[in-house]
Amino acid sequence: MFKKNLPNLLTISRVLAIPVIVLSFYIQNRYANLITILTFTFACITDFFDGYLARMWKVQSRFGKLLDPIADKLIVVSTIIMLIYKHKVDDFTVIPSIIIICREILVSGLREFLITVNVSLPVSKVGKIKTFFQMIAVIALILDDYIVVKEVGVICLWCAALITVWSGYRYVVVGIKQI
């Protein structure tokens, strides 16, 4: 029973981490970044292990297939929004942030539509690479106290945005074929 439920519990924990991350941006002490980074990093680690364990133990579920990509999008988008709000992402770097957020909404809508016409839109390897770059970018931008770290975050955010456009295009092509 534990093996069957653990991957889904990890996915749910990623969604439950969102309020902690958002609230941590409002903390006004020296531990705020630490809370944010630890919670976000925990969420990133659960993203790897929920799918890995589900496949390894052969306990993949429809619930997990539905919620996992949603949880990824929610955690990344909500944290990017908070980074913008706190001016850790500003000026020209807002552009890749908007690209990422728009793509995530577009792909979510496409998935919903394709389900109604019985077409599966599985997560691709490119999508996993995109998520990896997004998560590295967000971690670096949270830790923006050091100029080099912030630059790594900005570069990774732009890389994530480019991969986001590429992978989003692939989803749009599949969606258009079904329309």
Protein backbone atom coordinates (compact mmCIF):
# COMPACT_ATOMS: atom_id res chain seq x y z
CA MET A 1 0.00 0.00 0.00
CA PHE A 2 2.86 2.41 0.84
CA LYS A 3 4.57 1.84 -2.51
CA LYS A 4 1.33 2.37 -4.36
CA ASN A 5 0.61 5.74 -2.73
CA LEU A 6 4.06 7.27 -2.20
CA PRO A 7 4.52 8.66 -5.74
CA ASN A 8 1.13 10.41 -5.58
CA LEU A 9 1.85 11.69 -2.07
CA LEU A 10 5.10 13.20 -3.35
CA THR A 11 3.20 14.92 -6.15
CA ILE A 12 0.61 16.24 -3.69
CA SER A 13 3.40 17.48 -1.41
CA ARG A 14 4.71 19.56 -4.31
CA VAL A 15 1.33 21.30 -4.60
CA LEU A 16 1.19 21.78 -0.82
CA ALA A 17 4.64 23.38 -0.91
CA ILE A 18 3.30 26.28 -2.99
CA PRO A 19 1.70 28.23 -0.10
CA VAL A 20 4.87 27.75 1.96
CA ILE A 21 6.99 29.15 -0.87
CA VAL A 22 4.65 32.07 -1.51
CA LEU A 23 4.45 32.95 2.19
CA SER A 24 8.22 32.65 2.57
CA PHE A 25 8.63 35.59 0.18
CA TYR A 26 6.84 37.74 2.77
CA ILE A 27 9.08 36.79 5.68
CA GLN A 28 11.21 39.73 6.74
CA ASN A 29 14.24 38.07 8.29
CA ARG A 30 17.50 36.48 7.25
CA TYR A 31 15.95 33.00 7.07
CA ALA A 32 13.43 33.87 4.37
CA ASN A 33 15.66 32.82 1.45
CA LEU A 34 16.63 29.64 3.28
CA ILE A 35 12.99 28.66 3.79
CA THR A 36 12.18 29.47 0.18
CA ILE A 37 15.15 27.60 -1.26
CA LEU A 38 14.71 24.53 0.95
CA THR A 39 11.01 24.27 0.16
CA PHE A 40 11.50 24.79 -3.57
CA THR A 41 14.43 22.35 -3.66
CA PHE A 42 12.33 19.77 -1.80
CA ALA A 43 9.62 20.25 -4.44
CA CYS A 44 12.19 19.75 -7.23
CA ILE A 45 13.44 16.55 -5.63
CA THR A 46 9.88 15.21 -5.30
CA ASP A 47 9.37 15.96 -8.99
CA PHE A 48 12.15 13.52 -9.82
CA PHE A 49 11.21 10.84 -7.33
CA ASP A 50 7.45 10.68 -7.85
CA GLY A 51 7.77 9.59 -11.47
CA TYR A 52 10.89 7.51 -10.91
CA LEU A 53 9.34 5.52 -8.07
CA ALA A 54 6.03 5.09 -9.89
CA ARG A 55 7.82 3.61 -12.90
CA MET A 56 10.25 1.53 -10.83
CA TRP A 57 7.50 0.04 -8.65
CA LYS A 58 5.08 -0.14 -11.60
CA VAL A 59 2.43 1.84 -9.72
CA GLN A 60 1.79 4.56 -12.27
CA SER A 61 -1.71 5.94 -11.88
CA ARG A 62 -4.09 8.10 -13.84
CA PHE A 63 -4.09 10.50 -10.89
CA GLY A 64 -0.30 10.82 -11.06
CA LYS A 65 -0.29 11.24 -14.83
CA LEU A 66 -2.81 14.06 -14.45
CA LEU A 67 -1.44 15.85 -11.38
CA ASP A 68 2.34 15.55 -11.94
CA PRO A 69 2.59 17.96 -14.89
CA ILE A 70 0.09 20.30 -13.22
CA ALA A 71 2.13 20.30 -10.00
CA ASP A 72 5.29 21.11 -12.00
CA LYS A 73 3.60 24.04 -13.69
CA LEU A 74 2.05 25.36 -10.47
CA ILE A 75 5.27 25.27 -8.46
CA VAL A 76 7.38 26.91 -11.18
CA VAL A 77 4.83 29.53 -12.25
CA SER A 78 3.88 30.57 -8.71
CA THR A 79 7.54 30.92 -7.75
CA ILE A 80 8.37 32.90 -10.89
CA ILE A 81 5.48 35.24 -10.12
CA MET A 82 6.82 35.77 -6.61
CA LEU A 83 10.34 36.38 -7.97
CA ILE A 84 8.88 39.08 -10.22
CA TYR A 85 6.88 40.52 -7.32
CA LYS A 86 10.01 40.72 -5.17
CA HIS A 87 12.02 42.24 -8.06
CA LYS A 88 14.42 39.30 -8.18
CA VAL A 89 13.32 39.02 -11.80
CA ASP A 90 13.04 42.39 -13.44
CA ASP A 91 13.75 44.44 -16.53
CA PHE A 92 14.57 42.32 -19.56
CA THR A 93 14.38 39.06 -17.58
CA VAL A 94 10.61 39.45 -17.22
CA ILE A 95 10.32 38.46 -20.90
CA PRO A 96 11.40 34.80 -20.49
CA SER A 97 9.26 34.65 -17.35
CA ILE A 98 6.17 35.70 -19.32
CA ILE A 99 7.05 33.27 -22.12
CA ILE A 100 7.27 30.42 -19.60
CA ILE A 101 4.01 31.33 -17.87
CA CYS A 102 2.10 31.72 -21.16
CA ARG A 103 3.42 28.44 -22.51
CA GLU A 104 2.42 26.58 -19.36
CA ILE A 105 -1.13 27.93 -19.60
CA LEU A 106 -1.29 27.14 -23.33
CA VAL A 107 -0.08 23.55 -22.89
CA SER A 108 -2.46 22.98 -19.97
CA GLY A 109 -5.36 24.15 -22.11
CA LEU A 110 -4.23 21.97 -25.01
CA ARG A 111 -4.00 18.94 -22.72
CA GLU A 112 -7.52 19.59 -21.49
CA PHE A 113 -8.84 19.90 -25.05
CA LEU A 114 -6.99 16.82 -26.28
CA ILE A 115 -8.43 14.75 -23.45
CA THR A 116 -11.93 15.57 -24.76
CA VAL A 117 -10.99 14.09 -28.16
CA ASN A 118 -9.23 11.07 -26.58
CA VAL A 119 -5.73 12.11 -27.61
CA SER A 120 -2.91 11.58 -25.15
CA LEU A 121 -0.22 14.23 -24.89
CA PRO A 122 2.54 12.55 -22.91
CA VAL A 123 5.33 14.49 -21.27
CA SER A 124 8.33 14.55 -23.60
CA LYS A 125 12.03 14.44 -22.80
CA VAL A 126 12.25 18.02 -24.04
CA GLY A 127 9.58 18.93 -21.49
CA LYS A 128 11.64 17.34 -18.74
CA ILE A 129 14.73 19.28 -19.85
CA LYS A 130 12.63 22.47 -19.86
CA THR A 131 11.44 21.78 -16.32
CA PHE A 132 15.03 21.12 -15.20
CA PHE A 133 16.24 24.47 -16.60
CA GLN A 134 13.26 26.26 -15.06
CA MET A 135 13.98 24.77 -11.65
CA ILE A 136 17.71 25.58 -11.79
CA ALA A 137 16.88 29.12 -12.90
CA VAL A 138 14.42 29.60 -10.06
CA ILE A 139 16.84 28.24 -7.46
CA ALA A 140 19.61 30.55 -8.70
CA LEU A 141 17.27 33.55 -8.76
CA ILE A 142 16.11 32.87 -5.21
CA LEU A 143 19.79 32.82 -4.20
CA ASP A 144 20.45 36.09 -5.99
CA ASP A 145 22.64 37.45 -3.19
CA TYR A 146 25.68 36.69 -5.31
CA ILE A 147 25.99 38.32 -8.73
CA VAL A 148 27.40 35.18 -10.38
CA VAL A 149 24.49 33.08 -9.08
CA LYS A 150 21.94 35.61 -10.34
CA GLU A 151 23.60 35.60 -13.78
CA VAL A 152 23.40 31.80 -13.88
CA GLY A 153 19.71 32.13 -13.00
CA VAL A 154 19.10 34.64 -15.77
CA ILE A 155 20.92 32.51 -18.34
CA CYS A 156 19.03 29.38 -17.26
CA LEU A 157 15.74 31.30 -17.37
CA TRP A 158 16.43 32.36 -20.97
CA CYS A 159 17.46 28.78 -21.87
CA ALA A 160 14.26 27.51 -20.24
CA ALA A 161 12.21 30.05 -22.22
CA LEU A 162 13.79 28.95 -25.52
CA ILE A 163 13.20 25.27 -24.73
CA THR A 164 9.70 26.22 -23.58
CA VAL A 165 8.92 27.76 -26.98
CA TRP A 166 10.34 24.72 -28.79
CA SER A 167 8.46 22.15 -26.70
CA GLY A 168 5.30 24.29 -26.72
CA TYR A 169 5.42 24.42 -30.52
CA ARG A 170 5.46 20.62 -30.63
CA TYR A 171 2.33 20.50 -28.43
CA VAL A 172 0.57 23.14 -30.56
CA VAL A 173 1.23 21.11 -33.72
CA VAL A 174 -0.40 18.05 -32.17
CA GLY A 175 -3.31 20.19 -30.96
CA ILE A 176 -3.88 21.84 -34.36
CA LYS A 177 -3.97 18.43 -36.07
CA GLN A 178 -6.84 17.45 -33.74
CA ILE A 179 -8.81 20.64 -34.33
